[in-house]
Protein backbone atom coordinates (compact mmCIF):
# COMPACT_ATOMS: atom_id res chain seq x y z
CA MET A 1 15.75 -10.11 12.20
CA LYS A 2 12.89 -11.68 10.12
CA PHE A 3 9.90 -9.90 9.65
CA SER A 4 6.31 -12.11 8.68
CA TYR A 5 2.85 -10.45 8.28
CA PRO A 6 0.40 -13.99 8.22
CA ASN A 7 -2.72 -12.07 8.69
CA SER A 8 -1.43 -9.27 6.31
CA ARG A 9 -4.56 -9.74 4.21
CA ALA A 10 -6.98 -9.51 7.43
CA TRP A 11 -4.72 -6.91 8.88
CA LEU A 12 -6.22 -5.08 6.19
CA PHE A 13 -9.08 -5.93 5.73
CA VAL A 14 -9.72 -4.44 9.26
CA ALA A 15 -7.81 -1.13 8.20
CA SER A 16 -10.02 -1.02 5.22
CA ALA A 17 -12.82 -1.54 7.33
CA ILE A 18 -12.51 0.92 9.67
CA LEU A 19 -11.63 3.51 7.34
CA ALA A 20 -15.28 2.38 5.95
CA LEU A 21 -16.56 2.48 8.73
CA ALA A 22 -15.26 6.26 9.71
CA GLY A 23 -17.39 7.85 6.59
CA PRO A 24 -15.50 10.40 4.94
CA ILE A 25 -12.06 11.45 5.98
CA GLN A 26 -10.36 14.58 5.04
CA ALA A 27 -6.39 13.69 4.54
CA GLN A 28 -4.34 16.64 6.36
CA THR A 29 -1.89 18.18 5.25
CA GLN A 30 1.35 18.39 6.42
CA THR A 31 4.57 20.57 5.98
CA GLN A 32 7.93 21.44 7.76
CA SER A 33 10.42 22.69 5.86
CA GLY A 34 7.12 25.02 2.94
CA PHE A 35 6.64 21.90 0.95
CA ILE A 36 3.14 21.09 1.70
CA TYR A 37 1.94 17.06 0.15
CA ASN A 38 -1.27 15.30 0.35
CA GLY A 39 -0.51 11.74 -0.18
CA ILE A 40 -1.49 8.16 1.44
CA THR A 41 1.15 5.28 -0.02
CA HIS A 42 -1.24 1.05 -1.07
CA VAL A 43 1.50 -0.78 1.31
CA SER A 44 0.97 -4.52 0.16
CA PHE A 45 3.71 -7.54 0.96
CA GLN A 46 1.54 -10.30 -0.87
CA PRO A 47 2.34 -10.84 -4.52
CA ALA A 48 -0.54 -10.02 -5.98
CA GLU A 49 -2.84 -8.57 -3.64
CA TYR A 50 -3.05 -5.38 -5.08
CA ALA A 51 -5.24 -6.97 -7.90
CA THR A 52 -8.26 -8.69 -5.61
CA SER A 53 -11.97 -7.21 -5.05
CA GLN A 54 -9.17 -6.19 -1.43
CA GLY A 55 -7.04 -4.27 -3.18
CA VAL A 56 -9.78 -1.99 -4.46
CA ASP A 57 -11.72 -2.00 -2.38
CA SER A 58 -8.53 -0.34 -0.09
CA ARG A 59 -7.45 1.55 -2.94
CA THR A 60 -11.91 3.17 -2.81
CA ALA A 61 -11.39 3.68 1.19
CA LEU A 62 -7.85 5.85 0.37
CA ALA A 63 -9.62 7.46 -2.50
CA ALA A 64 -11.88 9.12 -0.28
CA THR A 65 -9.90 10.43 2.15
CA ASN A 66 -8.98 13.34 -0.96
CA ALA A 67 -5.99 13.20 -0.72
CA SER A 68 -4.16 14.54 -3.79
CA TRP A 69 -1.42 11.94 -4.22
CA ALA A 70 -1.28 8.00 -4.47
CA GLY A 71 1.31 5.81 -4.03
CA VAL A 72 1.99 2.28 -4.85
CA LEU A 73 4.62 0.31 -2.64
CA VAL A 74 6.34 -2.22 -4.58
CA THR A 75 8.51 -3.60 -1.76
CA GLN A 76 12.07 -5.67 -2.75
CA TYR A 77 14.02 -7.39 -0.16
CA GLN A 78 17.77 -8.43 1.26
CA ALA A 79 18.33 -11.71 2.56
CA ASN A 80 19.93 -10.18 5.51
CA ALA A 81 21.29 -6.73 7.21
CA SER A 82 24.26 -7.53 5.36
CA ALA A 83 22.93 -8.53 2.18
CA THR A 84 24.06 -6.01 -0.73
CA VAL A 85 21.44 -7.39 -3.18
CA ILE A 86 18.57 -6.28 -2.86
CA SER A 87 15.67 -7.60 -5.11
CA ALA A 88 12.26 -9.42 -5.12
CA ASP A 89 10.74 -11.86 -3.05
CA SER A 90 8.25 -14.25 -5.02
CA GLN A 91 6.06 -15.10 -1.84
CA ARG A 92 6.05 -11.83 -0.97
CA THR A 93 7.10 -8.96 -3.59
CA PRO A 94 3.66 -7.41 -6.07
CA THR A 95 3.56 -8.68 -9.38
CA ASP A 96 4.17 -6.38 -12.13
CA GLN A 97 0.75 -7.47 -13.13
CA ALA A 98 -1.23 -6.68 -9.87
CA SER A 99 1.01 -3.12 -9.64
CA MET A 100 -0.14 -2.21 -12.74
CA ASN A 101 -3.60 -2.81 -11.51
CA SER A 102 -3.53 -0.93 -9.00
CA MET A 103 -2.68 2.26 -10.88
CA PRO A 104 -5.78 4.10 -12.67
CA ARG A 105 -5.68 4.44 -16.48
CA GLU A 106 -6.78 7.40 -18.61
């Protein structure tokens, strides 16, 4: 089964706009075994999306939730369900540079 995200930029923009219009949102702490966490993961399925202005706007909106941690997902793929190799896809995997640009520097 092949998944495609033909309008991922449009969906990212819509999600960012919804977060921005919703105003400050307090992230909710979740726990099931005593471990308390309060974080968010930013996900992209495009090679350079983290480095775009939309990527920056998304992370700004995510930061407004006051989450205590954030993750950046770098996707890798396998050719099919029975494949034994997982690797980067130049059309979908965020580049190292774009991923590094998504992280704050001290």
